[in-house]
Amino acid sequence: EERAQNLRDLRSEMTALRKKREQATGE
């Protein structure tokens, strides 16, 4: 039953990681 929520959490993690990359500089 928790799969749908786990997939939403996974999408949120991926979005957060992408935004960190977009804002990052240097090393």
mmCIF file of all heavy atoms, coordinates in Angstrom:
data_MODEL
# 
_entry.id   MODEL 
# 
loop_
_atom_site.group_PDB 
_atom_site.id 
_atom_site.type_symbol 
_atom_site.label_atom_id 
_atom_site.label_alt_id 
_atom_site.label_comp_id 
_atom_site.label_asym_id 
_atom_site.label_entity_id 
_atom_site.label_seq_id 
_atom_site.pdbx_PDB_ins_code 
_atom_site.Cartn_x 
_atom_site.Cartn_y 
_atom_site.Cartn_z 
_atom_site.occupancy 
_atom_site.B_iso_or_equiv 
_atom_site.pdbx_formal_charge 
_atom_site.auth_seq_id 
_atom_site.auth_comp_id 
_atom_site.auth_asym_id 
_atom_site.auth_atom_id 
_atom_site.pdbx_PDB_model_num 
ATOM 1   N N   . GLU A 1 1  ? 0.812  -1.220 0.000   1.00 0.00 ? 1  GLU A N   1 
ATOM 2   C CA  . GLU A 1 1  ? 0.000  0.000  0.000   1.00 0.00 ? 1  GLU A CA  1 
ATOM 3   C C   . GLU A 1 1  ? 0.846  1.272  0.000   1.00 0.00 ? 1  GLU A C   1 
ATOM 4   O O   . GLU A 1 1  ? 0.374  2.326  -0.414  1.00 0.00 ? 1  GLU A O   1 
ATOM 5   C CB  . GLU A 1 1  ? -0.926 -0.001 1.210   1.00 0.00 ? 1  GLU A CB  1 
ATOM 6   C CG  . GLU A 1 1  ? -1.968 -1.128 1.186   1.00 0.00 ? 1  GLU A CG  1 
ATOM 7   C CD  . GLU A 1 1  ? -2.856 -1.101 2.413   1.00 0.00 ? 1  GLU A CD  1 
ATOM 8   O OE1 . GLU A 1 1  ? -2.631 -0.223 3.283   1.00 0.00 ? 1  GLU A OE1 1 
ATOM 9   O OE2 . GLU A 1 1  ? -3.775 -1.940 2.510   1.00 0.00 ? 1  GLU A OE2 1 
ATOM 10  N N   . GLU A 1 2  ? 2.083  1.173  0.456   1.00 0.00 ? 2  GLU A N   1 
ATOM 11  C CA  . GLU A 1 2  ? 2.921  2.364  0.566   1.00 0.00 ? 2  GLU A CA  1 
ATOM 12  C C   . GLU A 1 2  ? 3.672  2.695  -0.723  1.00 0.00 ? 2  GLU A C   1 
ATOM 13  O O   . GLU A 1 2  ? 4.398  3.680  -0.778  1.00 0.00 ? 2  GLU A O   1 
ATOM 14  C CB  . GLU A 1 2  ? 3.930  2.185  1.709   1.00 0.00 ? 2  GLU A CB  1 
ATOM 15  C CG  . GLU A 1 2  ? 3.275  2.056  3.079   1.00 0.00 ? 2  GLU A CG  1 
ATOM 16  C CD  . GLU A 1 2  ? 4.302  1.893  4.184   1.00 0.00 ? 2  GLU A CD  1 
ATOM 17  O OE1 . GLU A 1 2  ? 5.501  1.763  3.856   1.00 0.00 ? 2  GLU A OE1 1 
ATOM 18  O OE2 . GLU A 1 2  ? 3.902  1.909  5.348   1.00 0.00 ? 2  GLU A OE2 1 
ATOM 19  N N   . ARG A 1 3  ? 3.514  1.865  -1.747  1.00 0.00 ? 3  ARG A N   1 
ATOM 20  C CA  . ARG A 1 3  ? 4.286  2.087  -2.970  1.00 0.00 ? 3  ARG A CA  1 
ATOM 21  C C   . ARG A 1 3  ? 4.011  3.456  -3.585  1.00 0.00 ? 3  ARG A C   1 
ATOM 22  O O   . ARG A 1 3  ? 4.949  4.161  -3.992  1.00 0.00 ? 3  ARG A O   1 
ATOM 23  C CB  . ARG A 1 3  ? 4.008  0.994  -4.000  1.00 0.00 ? 3  ARG A CB  1 
ATOM 24  C CG  . ARG A 1 3  ? 4.641  1.302  -5.366  1.00 0.00 ? 3  ARG A CG  1 
ATOM 25  C CD  . ARG A 1 3  ? 4.432  0.211  -6.367  1.00 0.00 ? 3  ARG A CD  1 
ATOM 26  N NE  . ARG A 1 3  ? 5.345  -0.904 -6.118  1.00 0.00 ? 3  ARG A NE  1 
ATOM 27  C CZ  . ARG A 1 3  ? 5.369  -2.005 -6.882  1.00 0.00 ? 3  ARG A CZ  1 
ATOM 28  N NH1 . ARG A 1 3  ? 4.511  -2.141 -7.880  1.00 0.00 ? 3  ARG A NH1 1 
ATOM 29  N NH2 . ARG A 1 3  ? 6.233  -2.959 -6.618  1.00 0.00 ? 3  ARG A NH2 1 
ATOM 30  N N   . ALA A 1 4  ? 2.733  3.855  -3.661  1.00 0.00 ? 4  ALA A N   1 
ATOM 31  C CA  . ALA A 1 4  ? 2.412  5.136  -4.290  1.00 0.00 ? 4  ALA A CA  1 
ATOM 32  C C   . ALA A 1 4  ? 3.105  6.287  -3.566  1.00 0.00 ? 4  ALA A C   1 
ATOM 33  O O   . ALA A 1 4  ? 3.661  7.197  -4.204  1.00 0.00 ? 4  ALA A O   1 
ATOM 34  C CB  . ALA A 1 4  ? 0.898  5.352  -4.312  1.00 0.00 ? 4  ALA A CB  1 
ATOM 35  N N   . GLN A 1 5  ? 3.096  6.255  -2.236  1.00 0.00 ? 5  GLN A N   1 
ATOM 36  C CA  . GLN A 1 5  ? 3.767  7.308  -1.475  1.00 0.00 ? 5  GLN A CA  1 
ATOM 37  C C   . GLN A 1 5  ? 5.274  7.240  -1.660  1.00 0.00 ? 5  GLN A C   1 
ATOM 38  O O   . GLN A 1 5  ? 5.943  8.275  -1.785  1.00 0.00 ? 5  GLN A O   1 
ATOM 39  C CB  . GLN A 1 5  ? 3.425  7.185  0.015   1.00 0.00 ? 5  GLN A CB  1 
ATOM 40  C CG  . GLN A 1 5  ? 4.044  8.273  0.885   1.00 0.00 ? 5  GLN A CG  1 
ATOM 41  C CD  . GLN A 1 5  ? 3.608  9.667  0.468   1.00 0.00 ? 5  GLN A CD  1 
ATOM 42  O OE1 . GLN A 1 5  ? 2.410  9.938  0.324   1.00 0.00 ? 5  GLN A OE1 1 
ATOM 43  N NE2 . GLN A 1 5  ? 4.564  10.560 0.263   1.00 0.00 ? 5  GLN A NE2 1 
ATOM 44  N N   . ASN A 1 6  ? 5.812  6.022  -1.708  1.00 0.00 ? 6  ASN A N   1 
ATOM 45  C CA  . ASN A 1 6  ? 7.258  5.870  -1.902  1.00 0.00 ? 6  ASN A CA  1 
ATOM 46  C C   . ASN A 1 6  ? 7.690  6.402  -3.261  1.00 0.00 ? 6  ASN A C   1 
ATOM 47  O O   . ASN A 1 6  ? 8.765  6.988  -3.397  1.00 0.00 ? 6  ASN A O   1 
ATOM 48  C CB  . ASN A 1 6  ? 7.657  4.398  -1.757  1.00 0.00 ? 6  ASN A CB  1 
ATOM 49  C CG  . ASN A 1 6  ? 7.576  3.915  -0.321  1.00 0.00 ? 6  ASN A CG  1 
ATOM 50  O OD1 . ASN A 1 6  ? 7.729  4.698  0.622   1.00 0.00 ? 6  ASN A OD1 1 
ATOM 51  N ND2 . ASN A 1 6  ? 7.336  2.628  -0.132  1.00 0.00 ? 6  ASN A ND2 1 
ATOM 52  N N   . LEU A 1 7  ? 6.863  6.199  -4.273  1.00 0.00 ? 7  LEU A N   1 
ATOM 53  C CA  . LEU A 1 7  ? 7.180  6.750  -5.593  1.00 0.00 ? 7  LEU A CA  1 
ATOM 54  C C   . LEU A 1 7  ? 7.118  8.268  -5.582  1.00 0.00 ? 7  LEU A C   1 
ATOM 55  O O   . LEU A 1 7  ? 7.950  8.939  -6.207  1.00 0.00 ? 7  LEU A O   1 
ATOM 56  C CB  . LEU A 1 7  ? 6.224  6.183  -6.644  1.00 0.00 ? 7  LEU A CB  1 
ATOM 57  C CG  . LEU A 1 7  ? 6.512  4.739  -7.105  1.00 0.00 ? 7  LEU A CG  1 
ATOM 58  C CD1 . LEU A 1 7  ? 5.345  4.191  -7.915  1.00 0.00 ? 7  LEU A CD1 1 
ATOM 59  C CD2 . LEU A 1 7  ? 7.801  4.682  -7.919  1.00 0.00 ? 7  LEU A CD2 1 
ATOM 60  N N   . ARG A 1 8  ? 6.138  8.829  -4.866  1.00 0.00 ? 8  ARG A N   1 
ATOM 61  C CA  . ARG A 1 8  ? 6.078  10.300 -4.745  1.00 0.00 ? 8  ARG A CA  1 
ATOM 62  C C   . ARG A 1 8  ? 7.315  10.829 -4.025  1.00 0.00 ? 8  ARG A C   1 
ATOM 63  O O   . ARG A 1 8  ? 7.883  11.860 -4.411  1.00 0.00 ? 8  ARG A O   1 
ATOM 64  C CB  . ARG A 1 8  ? 4.804  10.708 -3.990  1.00 0.00 ? 8  ARG A CB  1 
ATOM 65  C CG  . ARG A 1 8  ? 3.537  10.603 -4.831  1.00 0.00 ? 8  ARG A CG  1 
ATOM 66  C CD  . ARG A 1 8  ? 2.372  11.316 -4.169  1.00 0.00 ? 8  ARG A CD  1 
ATOM 67  N NE  . ARG A 1 8  ? 1.927  10.625 -2.962  1.00 0.00 ? 8  ARG A NE  1 
ATOM 68  C CZ  . ARG A 1 8  ? 1.009  9.664  -2.938  1.00 0.00 ? 8  ARG A CZ  1 
ATOM 69  N NH1 . ARG A 1 8  ? 0.431  9.277  -4.075  1.00 0.00 ? 8  ARG A NH1 1 
ATOM 70  N NH2 . ARG A 1 8  ? 0.649  9.102  -1.791  1.00 0.00 ? 8  ARG A NH2 1 
ATOM 71  N N   . ASP A 1 9  ? 7.750  10.117 -2.983  1.00 0.00 ? 9  ASP A N   1 
ATOM 72  C CA  . ASP A 1 9  ? 8.964  10.526 -2.265  1.00 0.00 ? 9  ASP A CA  1 
ATOM 73  C C   . ASP A 1 9  ? 10.186 10.455 -3.166  1.00 0.00 ? 9  ASP A C   1 
ATOM 74  O O   . ASP A 1 9  ? 11.070 11.333 -3.101  1.00 0.00 ? 9  ASP A O   1 
ATOM 75  C CB  . ASP A 1 9  ? 9.164  9.641  -1.038  1.00 0.00 ? 9  ASP A CB  1 
ATOM 76  C CG  . ASP A 1 9  ? 8.108  9.869  0.036   1.00 0.00 ? 9  ASP A CG  1 
ATOM 77  O OD1 . ASP A 1 9  ? 7.453  10.924 0.000   1.00 0.00 ? 9  ASP A OD1 1 
ATOM 78  O OD2 . ASP A 1 9  ? 7.947  8.982  0.908   1.00 0.00 ? 9  ASP A OD2 1 
ATOM 79  N N   . LEU A 1 10 ? 10.228 9.415  -3.997  1.00 0.00 ? 10 LEU A N   1 
ATOM 80  C CA  . LEU A 1 10 ? 11.350 9.274  -4.929  1.00 0.00 ? 10 LEU A CA  1 
ATOM 81  C C   . LEU A 1 10 ? 11.372 10.438 -5.911  1.00 0.00 ? 10 LEU A C   1 
ATOM 82  O O   . LEU A 1 10 ? 12.435 11.020 -6.183  1.00 0.00 ? 10 LEU A O   1 
ATOM 83  C CB  . LEU A 1 10 ? 11.245 7.940  -5.672  1.00 0.00 ? 10 LEU A CB  1 
ATOM 84  C CG  . LEU A 1 10 ? 12.314 7.665  -6.736  1.00 0.00 ? 10 LEU A CG  1 
ATOM 85  C CD1 . LEU A 1 10 ? 13.704 7.594  -6.110  1.00 0.00 ? 10 LEU A CD1 1 
ATOM 86  C CD2 . LEU A 1 10 ? 12.002 6.365  -7.492  1.00 0.00 ? 10 LEU A CD2 1 
ATOM 87  N N   . ARG A 1 11 ? 10.205 10.803 -6.439  1.00 0.00 ? 11 ARG A N   1 
ATOM 88  C CA  . ARG A 1 11 ? 10.147 11.947 -7.363  1.00 0.00 ? 11 ARG A CA  1 
ATOM 89  C C   . ARG A 1 11 ? 10.606 13.227 -6.676  1.00 0.00 ? 11 ARG A C   1 
ATOM 90  O O   . ARG A 1 11 ? 11.320 14.043 -7.263  1.00 0.00 ? 11 ARG A O   1 
ATOM 91  C CB  . ARG A 1 11 ? 8.720  12.112 -7.907  1.00 0.00 ? 11 ARG A CB  1 
ATOM 92  C CG  . ARG A 1 11 ? 8.282  11.005 -8.850  1.00 0.00 ? 11 ARG A CG  1 
ATOM 93  C CD  . ARG A 1 11 ? 7.066  11.406 -9.662  1.00 0.00 ? 11 ARG A CD  1 
ATOM 94  N NE  . ARG A 1 11 ? 5.898  11.673 -8.837  1.00 0.00 ? 11 ARG A NE  1 
ATOM 95  C CZ  . ARG A 1 11 ? 5.018  10.741 -8.459  1.00 0.00 ? 11 ARG A CZ  1 
ATOM 96  N NH1 . ARG A 1 11 ? 5.200  9.480  -8.822  1.00 0.00 ? 11 ARG A NH1 1 
ATOM 97  N NH2 . ARG A 1 11 ? 3.966  11.074 -7.738  1.00 0.00 ? 11 ARG A NH2 1 
ATOM 98  N N   . SER A 1 12 ? 10.202 13.388 -5.422  1.00 0.00 ? 12 SER A N   1 
ATOM 99  C CA  . SER A 1 12 ? 10.608 14.594 -4.686  1.00 0.00 ? 12 SER A CA  1 
ATOM 100 C C   . SER A 1 12 ? 12.114 14.636 -4.490  1.00 0.00 ? 12 SER A C   1 
ATOM 101 O O   . SER A 1 12 ? 12.747 15.697 -4.606  1.00 0.00 ? 12 SER A O   1 
ATOM 102 C CB  . SER A 1 12 ? 9.900  14.626 -3.326  1.00 0.00 ? 12 SER A CB  1 
ATOM 103 O OG  . SER A 1 12 ? 8.504  14.759 -3.481  1.00 0.00 ? 12 SER A OG  1 
ATOM 104 N N   . GLU A 1 13 ? 12.699 13.479 -4.193  1.00 0.00 ? 13 GLU A N   1 
ATOM 105 C CA  . GLU A 1 13 ? 14.157 13.397 -4.019  1.00 0.00 ? 13 GLU A CA  1 
ATOM 106 C C   . GLU A 1 13 ? 14.873 13.756 -5.317  1.00 0.00 ? 13 GLU A C   1 
ATOM 107 O O   . GLU A 1 13 ? 15.871 14.479 -5.312  1.00 0.00 ? 13 GLU A O   1 
ATOM 108 C CB  . GLU A 1 13 ? 14.554 12.001 -3.564  1.00 0.00 ? 13 GLU A CB  1 
ATOM 109 C CG  . GLU A 1 13 ? 14.139 11.643 -2.148  1.00 0.00 ? 13 GLU A CG  1 
ATOM 110 C CD  . GLU A 1 13 ? 15.237 11.927 -1.132  1.00 0.00 ? 13 GLU A CD  1 
ATOM 111 O OE1 . GLU A 1 13 ? 16.335 12.344 -1.538  1.00 0.00 ? 13 GLU A OE1 1 
ATOM 112 O OE2 . GLU A 1 13 ? 14.974 11.716 0.064   1.00 0.00 ? 13 GLU A OE2 1 
ATOM 113 N N   . MET A 1 14 ? 14.367 13.251 -6.425  1.00 0.00 ? 14 MET A N   1 
ATOM 114 C CA  . MET A 1 14 ? 14.992 13.532 -7.717  1.00 0.00 ? 14 MET A CA  1 
ATOM 115 C C   . MET A 1 14 ? 14.877 15.022 -8.057  1.00 0.00 ? 14 MET A C   1 
ATOM 116 O O   . MET A 1 14 ? 15.831 15.629 -8.565  1.00 0.00 ? 14 MET A O   1 
ATOM 117 C CB  . MET A 1 14 ? 14.328 12.689 -8.810  1.00 0.00 ? 14 MET A CB  1 
ATOM 118 C CG  . MET A 1 14 ? 14.535 11.188 -8.648  1.00 0.00 ? 14 MET A CG  1 
ATOM 119 S SD  . MET A 1 14 ? 16.246 10.670 -8.912  1.00 0.00 ? 14 MET A SD  1 
ATOM 120 C CE  . MET A 1 14 ? 16.208 10.229 -10.634 1.00 0.00 ? 14 MET A CE  1 
ATOM 121 N N   . THR A 1 15 ? 13.718 15.597 -7.778  1.00 0.00 ? 15 THR A N   1 
ATOM 122 C CA  . THR A 1 15 ? 13.529 17.034 -8.030  1.00 0.00 ? 15 THR A CA  1 
ATOM 123 C C   . THR A 1 15 ? 14.494 17.869 -7.186  1.00 0.00 ? 15 THR A C   1 
ATOM 124 O O   . THR A 1 15 ? 15.120 18.811 -7.687  1.00 0.00 ? 15 THR A O   1 
ATOM 125 C CB  . THR A 1 15 ? 12.086 17.446 -7.714  1.00 0.00 ? 15 THR A CB  1 
ATOM 126 O OG1 . THR A 1 15 ? 11.181 16.669 -8.488  1.00 0.00 ? 15 THR A OG1 1 
ATOM 127 C CG2 . THR A 1 15 ? 11.865 18.924 -8.001  1.00 0.00 ? 15 THR A CG2 1 
ATOM 128 N N   . ALA A 1 16 ? 14.613 17.498 -5.927  1.00 0.00 ? 16 ALA A N   1 
ATOM 129 C CA  . ALA A 1 16 ? 15.499 18.248 -5.029  1.00 0.00 ? 16 ALA A CA  1 
ATOM 130 C C   . ALA A 1 16 ? 16.948 18.147 -5.484  1.00 0.00 ? 16 ALA A C   1 
ATOM 131 O O   . ALA A 1 16 ? 17.691 19.149 -5.459  1.00 0.00 ? 16 ALA A O   1 
ATOM 132 C CB  . ALA A 1 16 ? 15.351 17.712 -3.606  1.00 0.00 ? 16 ALA A CB  1 
ATOM 133 N N   . LEU A 1 17 ? 17.361 16.957 -5.926  1.00 0.00 ? 17 LEU A N   1 
ATOM 134 C CA  . LEU A 1 17 ? 18.733 16.779 -6.383  1.00 0.00 ? 17 LEU A CA  1 
ATOM 135 C C   . LEU A 1 17 ? 18.986 17.588 -7.652  1.00 0.00 ? 17 LEU A C   1 
ATOM 136 O O   . LEU A 1 17 ? 20.038 18.225 -7.802  1.00 0.00 ? 17 LEU A O   1 
ATOM 137 C CB  . LEU A 1 17 ? 19.015 15.297 -6.632  1.00 0.00 ? 17 LEU A CB  1 
ATOM 138 C CG  . LEU A 1 17 ? 20.463 14.900 -6.891  1.00 0.00 ? 17 LEU A CG  1 
ATOM 139 C CD1 . LEU A 1 17 ? 21.349 15.277 -5.716  1.00 0.00 ? 17 LEU A CD1 1 
ATOM 140 C CD2 . LEU A 1 17 ? 20.562 13.398 -7.161  1.00 0.00 ? 17 LEU A CD2 1 
ATOM 141 N N   . ARG A 1 18 ? 17.999 17.607 -8.554  1.00 0.00 ? 18 ARG A N   1 
ATOM 142 C CA  . ARG A 1 18 ? 18.152 18.408 -9.779  1.00 0.00 ? 18 ARG A CA  1 
ATOM 143 C C   . ARG A 1 18 ? 18.285 19.887 -9.457  1.00 0.00 ? 18 ARG A C   1 
ATOM 144 O O   . ARG A 1 18 ? 19.125 20.591 -10.042 1.00 0.00 ? 18 ARG A O   1 
ATOM 145 C CB  . ARG A 1 18 ? 16.963 18.181 -10.708 1.00 0.00 ? 18 ARG A CB  1 
ATOM 146 C CG  . ARG A 1 18 ? 16.931 19.139 -11.897 1.00 0.00 ? 18 ARG A CG  1 
ATOM 147 C CD  . ARG A 1 18 ? 15.834 18.799 -12.884 1.00 0.00 ? 18 ARG A CD  1 
ATOM 148 N NE  . ARG A 1 18 ? 14.514 18.778 -12.282 1.00 0.00 ? 18 ARG A NE  1 
ATOM 149 C CZ  . ARG A 1 18 ? 13.763 19.837 -12.060 1.00 0.00 ? 18 ARG A CZ  1 
ATOM 150 N NH1 . ARG A 1 18 ? 14.220 21.062 -12.361 1.00 0.00 ? 18 ARG A NH1 1 
ATOM 151 N NH2 . ARG A 1 18 ? 12.552 19.720 -11.535 1.00 0.00 ? 18 ARG A NH2 1 
ATOM 152 N N   . LYS A 1 19 ? 17.479 20.379 -8.529  1.00 0.00 ? 19 LYS A N   1 
ATOM 153 C CA  . LYS A 1 19 ? 17.529 21.805 -8.180  1.00 0.00 ? 19 LYS A CA  1 
ATOM 154 C C   . LYS A 1 19 ? 18.856 22.160 -7.516  1.00 0.00 ? 19 LYS A C   1 
ATOM 155 O O   . LYS A 1 19 ? 19.405 23.247 -7.756  1.00 0.00 ? 19 LYS A O   1 
ATOM 156 C CB  . LYS A 1 19 ? 16.352 22.152 -7.278  1.00 0.00 ? 19 LYS A CB  1 
ATOM 157 C CG  . LYS A 1 19 ? 15.018 22.150 -8.014  1.00 0.00 ? 19 LYS A CG  1 
ATOM 158 C CD  . LYS A 1 19 ? 13.865 22.539 -7.112  1.00 0.00 ? 19 LYS A CD  1 
ATOM 159 C CE  . LYS A 1 19 ? 12.553 22.605 -7.897  1.00 0.00 ? 19 LYS A CE  1 
ATOM 160 N NZ  . LYS A 1 19 ? 11.410 22.954 -7.020  1.00 0.00 ? 19 LYS A NZ  1 
ATOM 161 N N   . LYS A 1 20 ? 19.386 21.255 -6.709  1.00 0.00 ? 20 LYS A N   1 
ATOM 162 C CA  . LYS A 1 20 ? 20.709 21.490 -6.120  1.00 0.00 ? 20 LYS A CA  1 
ATOM 163 C C   . LYS A 1 20 ? 21.760 21.619 -7.213  1.00 0.00 ? 20 LYS A C   1 
ATOM 164 O O   . LYS A 1 20 ? 22.642 22.485 -7.153  1.00 0.00 ? 20 LYS A O   1 
ATOM 165 C CB  . LYS A 1 20 ? 21.076 20.347 -5.176  1.00 0.00 ? 20 LYS A CB  1 
ATOM 166 C CG  . LYS A 1 20 ? 20.382 20.368 -3.826  1.00 0.00 ? 20 LYS A CG  1 
ATOM 167 C CD  . LYS A 1 20 ? 20.879 19.221 -2.966  1.00 0.00 ? 20 LYS A CD  1 
ATOM 168 C CE  . LYS A 1 20 ? 20.197 19.223 -1.604  1.00 0.00 ? 20 LYS A CE  1 
ATOM 169 N NZ  . LYS A 1 20 ? 20.661 18.092 -0.761  1.00 0.00 ? 20 LYS A NZ  1 
ATOM 170 N N   . ARG A 1 21 ? 21.668 20.740 -8.206  1.00 0.00 ? 21 ARG A N   1 
ATOM 171 C CA  . ARG A 1 21 ? 22.640 20.791 -9.305  1.00 0.00 ? 21 ARG A CA  1 
ATOM 172 C C   . ARG A 1 21 ? 22.507 22.089 -10.080 1.00 0.00 ? 21 ARG A C   1 
ATOM 173 O O   . ARG A 1 21 ? 23.508 22.708 -10.470 1.00 0.00 ? 21 ARG A O   1 
ATOM 174 C CB  . ARG A 1 21 ? 22.421 19.604 -10.251 1.00 0.00 ? 21 ARG A CB  1 
ATOM 175 C CG  . ARG A 1 21 ? 23.497 19.487 -11.339 1.00 0.00 ? 21 ARG A CG  1 
ATOM 176 C CD  . ARG A 1 21 ? 22.981 18.788 -12.555 1.00 0.00 ? 21 ARG A CD  1 
ATOM 177 N NE  . ARG A 1 21 ? 21.914 19.543 -13.187 1.00 0.00 ? 21 ARG A NE  1 
ATOM 178 C CZ  . ARG A 1 21 ? 21.249 19.134 -14.271 1.00 0.00 ? 21 ARG A CZ  1 
ATOM 179 N NH1 . ARG A 1 21 ? 21.516 17.955 -14.797 1.00 0.00 ? 21 ARG A NH1 1 
ATOM 180 N NH2 . ARG A 1 21 ? 20.304 19.886 -14.803 1.00 0.00 ? 21 ARG A NH2 1 
ATOM 181 N N   . GLU A 1 22 ? 21.287 22.547 -10.317 1.00 0.00 ? 22 GLU A N   1 
ATOM 182 C CA  . GLU A 1 22 ? 21.068 23.771 -11.081 1.00 0.00 ? 22 GLU A CA  1 
ATOM 183 C C   . GLU A 1 22 ? 21.631 25.000 -10.364 1.00 0.00 ? 22 GLU A C   1 
ATOM 184 O O   . GLU A 1 22 ? 22.022 25.975 -11.016 1.00 0.00 ? 22 GLU A O   1 
ATOM 185 C CB  . GLU A 1 22 ? 19.568 23.952 -11.327 1.00 0.00 ? 22 GLU A CB  1 
ATOM 186 C CG  . GLU A 1 22 ? 18.993 22.926 -12.300 1.00 0.00 ? 22 GLU A CG  1 
ATOM 187 C CD  . GLU A 1 22 ? 17.475 22.966 -12.367 1.00 0.00 ? 22 GLU A CD  1 
ATOM 188 O OE1 . GLU A 1 22 ? 16.855 23.636 -11.515 1.00 0.00 ? 22 GLU A OE1 1 
ATOM 189 O OE2 . GLU A 1 22 ? 16.909 22.321 -13.279 1.00 0.00 ? 22 GLU A OE2 1 
ATOM 190 N N   . GLN A 1 23 ? 21.687 24.941 -9.049  1.00 0.00 ? 23 GLN A N   1 
ATOM 191 C CA  . GLN A 1 23 ? 22.164 26.083 -8.265  1.00 0.00 ? 23 GLN A CA  1 
ATOM 192 C C   . GLN A 1 23 ? 23.643 25.989 -7.901  1.00 0.00 ? 23 GLN A C   1 
ATOM 193 O O   . GLN A 1 23 ? 24.219 26.961 -7.414  1.00 0.00 ? 23 GLN A O   1 
ATOM 194 C CB  . GLN A 1 23 ? 21.328 26.187 -6.984  1.00 0.00 ? 23 GLN A CB  1 
ATOM 195 C CG  . GLN A 1 23 ? 19.855 26.470 -7.232  1.00 0.00 ? 23 GLN A CG  1 
ATOM 196 C CD  . GLN A 1 23 ? 18.982 26.250 -6.017  1.00 0.00 ? 23 GLN A CD  1 
ATOM 197 O OE1 . GLN A 1 23 ? 19.488 25.923 -4.946  1.00 0.00 ? 23 GLN A OE1 1 
ATOM 198 N NE2 . GLN A 1 23 ? 17.674 26.431 -6.160  1.00 0.00 ? 23 GLN A NE2 1 
ATOM 199 N N   . ALA A 1 24 ? 24.246 24.832 -8.140  1.00 0.00 ? 24 ALA A N   1 
ATOM 200 C CA  . ALA A 1 24 ? 25.623 24.601 -7.693  1.00 0.00 ? 24 ALA A CA  1 
ATOM 201 C C   . ALA A 1 24 ? 26.643 25.234 -8.630  1.00 0.00 ? 24 ALA A C   1 
ATOM 202 O O   . ALA A 1 24 ? 26.377 25.487 -9.810  1.00 0.00 ? 24 ALA A O   1 
ATOM 203 C CB  . ALA A 1 24 ? 25.888 23.105 -7.579  1.00 0.00 ? 24 ALA A CB  1 
ATOM 204 N N   . THR A 1 25 ? 27.816 25.479 -8.095  1.00 0.00 ? 25 THR A N   1 
ATOM 205 C CA  . THR A 1 25 ? 28.955 25.976 -8.878  1.00 0.00 ? 25 THR A CA  1 
ATOM 206 C C   . THR A 1 25 ? 30.212 25.240 -8.434  1.00 0.00 ? 25 THR A C   1 
ATOM 207 O O   . THR A 1 25 ? 30.221 24.543 -7.414  1.00 0.00 ? 25 THR A O   1 
ATOM 208 C CB  . THR A 1 25 ? 29.152 27.492 -8.665  1.00 0.00 ? 25 THR A CB  1 
ATOM 209 O OG1 . THR A 1 25 ? 29.371 27.732 -7.255  1.00 0.00 ? 25 THR A OG1 1 
ATOM 210 C CG2 . THR A 1 25 ? 27.940 28.273 -9.140  1.00 0.00 ? 25 THR A CG2 1 
ATOM 211 N N   . GLY A 1 26 ? 31.277 25.411 -9.205  1.00 0.00 ? 26 GLY A N   1 
ATOM 212 C CA  . GLY A 1 26 ? 32.572 24.868 -8.818  1.00 0.00 ? 26 GLY A CA  1 
ATOM 213 C C   . GLY A 1 26 ? 32.567 23.365 -8.635  1.00 0.00 ? 26 GLY A C   1 
ATOM 214 O O   . GLY A 1 26 ? 31.916 22.617 -9.366  1.00 0.00 ? 26 GLY A O   1 
ATOM 215 N N   . GLU A 1 27 ? 33.296 22.898 -7.622  1.00 0.00 ? 27 GLU A N   1 
ATOM 216 C CA  . GLU A 1 27 ? 33.422 21.468 -7.373  1.00 0.00 ? 27 GLU A CA  1 
ATOM 217 C C   . GLU A 1 27 ? 32.109 20.845 -6.917  1.00 0.00 ? 27 GLU A C   1 
ATOM 218 O O   . GLU A 1 27 ? 31.862 19.656 -7.151  1.00 0.00 ? 27 GLU A O   1 
ATOM 219 C CB  . GLU A 1 27 ? 34.523 21.204 -6.342  1.00 0.00 ? 27 GLU A CB  1 
ATOM 220 C CG  . GLU A 1 27 ? 35.916 21.559 -6.831  1.00 0.00 ? 27 GLU A CG  1 
ATOM 221 C CD  . GLU A 1 27 ? 36.281 20.861 -8.128  1.00 0.00 ? 27 GLU A CD  1 
ATOM 222 O OE1 . GLU A 1 27 ? 36.076 19.626 -8.225  1.00 0.00 ? 27 GLU A OE1 1 
ATOM 223 O OE2 . GLU A 1 27 ? 36.750 21.536 -9.062  1.00 0.00 ? 27 GLU A OE2 1 
# 
